[in-house]
Protein backbone atom coordinates (compact mmCIF):
# COMPACT_ATOMS: atom_id res chain seq x y z
CA MET A 1 0.02 0.01 -0.02
CA ASN A 2 1.15 3.56 -0.63
CA TRP A 3 0.96 6.17 2.06
CA ASP A 4 1.34 9.90 1.65
CA LEU A 5 3.92 11.23 4.07
CA ARG A 6 1.29 13.24 5.99
CA ASP A 7 -1.06 10.22 6.33
CA ALA A 8 1.86 8.00 7.34
CA ARG A 9 2.85 10.49 10.09
CA ASN A 10 -0.75 10.80 11.36
CA ASN A 11 -1.37 7.02 11.30
CA LEU A 12 2.02 5.62 12.30
CA SER A 13 0.65 2.83 14.48
CA LYS A 14 -1.67 1.70 11.64
CA LEU A 15 1.16 1.90 9.14
CA VAL A 16 3.39 -0.28 11.37
CA ARG A 17 0.58 -2.77 11.91
CA GLN A 18 -0.07 -3.11 8.21
CA ALA A 19 3.62 -3.52 7.51
CA ARG A 20 3.66 -6.47 9.99
CA GLU A 21 0.42 -7.98 8.67
CA GLN A 22 0.37 -7.20 5.00
CA GLY A 23 3.97 -6.64 3.98
CA PRO A 24 6.09 -3.59 3.04
CA GLN A 25 4.36 -0.20 3.04
CA THR A 26 5.55 2.60 0.70
CA ILE A 27 5.68 6.20 1.80
CA THR A 28 5.35 8.74 -0.94
CA LEU A 29 6.53 12.36 -0.92
CA ARG A 30 4.85 14.63 -3.51
CA GLY A 31 3.50 11.48 -5.24
CA LYS A 32 6.91 9.74 -5.63
CA PRO A 33 8.00 6.77 -3.63
CA ALA A 34 10.39 7.99 -0.83
CA ALA A 35 10.67 5.25 1.80
CA VAL A 36 9.45 1.82 2.72
CA VAL A 37 8.31 0.51 6.17
CA LEU A 38 9.11 -3.19 6.69
CA ALA A 39 8.22 -5.62 9.42
CA LEU A 40 11.35 -6.47 11.46
CA GLU A 41 11.17 -10.12 10.22
CA ASP A 42 11.36 -8.85 6.55
CA HIS A 43 14.24 -6.62 7.35
CA ASP A 44 16.16 -9.37 9.10
CA ARG A 45 15.55 -11.75 6.25
CA LEU A 46 16.82 -9.18 3.69
CA ASP A 47 19.72 -8.05 5.87
CA GLY A 48 20.85 -11.53 6.59
CA ALA A 49 20.82 -12.52 2.92
CA LYS A 50 24.06 -10.73 2.15
CA PRO A 51 27.31 -12.17 3.53
CA SER A 52 29.93 -9.82 4.96
CA LEU A 53 32.95 -9.02 2.80
CA ALA A 54 35.06 -11.47 4.74
CA GLU A 55 32.48 -14.23 4.35
CA TYR A 56 32.19 -13.48 0.64
CA LEU A 57 35.98 -13.64 0.13
CA LEU A 58 36.22 -16.92 2.12
CA THR A 59 33.67 -18.60 -0.05
CA GLY A 60 35.86 -18.38 -3.19
CA PRO A 61 36.84 -21.51 -5.12
CA ALA A 62 38.82 -24.09 -3.25
CA TRP A 63 42.52 -24.31 -4.03
CA ASP A 64 43.65 -27.61 -5.55
CA ASP A 65 46.82 -29.23 -4.19
CA ASP A 66 49.06 -28.13 -6.99
CA PHE A 67 48.14 -24.47 -6.47
CA VAL A 68 48.66 -24.74 -2.72
CA GLU A 69 52.17 -26.18 -3.32
CA GLU A 70 52.98 -23.39 -5.79
CA VAL A 71 51.88 -20.70 -3.30
CA ASN A 72 53.95 -22.30 -0.49
CA ARG A 73 57.02 -22.55 -2.78
CA ARG A 74 57.05 -18.78 -3.48
CA PRO A 75 59.17 -16.52 -1.27
CA GLU A 76 57.33 -14.45 1.37
CA THR A 77 58.27 -11.23 -0.31
CA MET A 78 58.46 -10.43 -3.93
CA ILE A 79 61.85 -9.30 -5.07
CA ARG A 80 61.62 -6.74 -7.87
CA PRO A 81 64.48 -4.96 -9.49
CA VAL A 82 64.79 -1.30 -8.55
CA GLU A 83 64.42 0.97 -11.50
CA PHE A 84 65.96 4.48 -11.44
């Protein structure tokens, strides 16, 4: 359902109740969508759907044994010639 900002402000408890019972409620400002009110359960579901950056990076492809050996064989620091 769409709510004009003034109606949303004047009926906040009804707006929240409808968000919990009927789903997301859109608040409009001058006839254009400006905000959405969600039930906490909907917010948690959406917020939990994205992994953190660390979790995302750790879910990359597994390294095969040959690649692991190659990484371990390399020196800890890269030696590069100094250019003047």
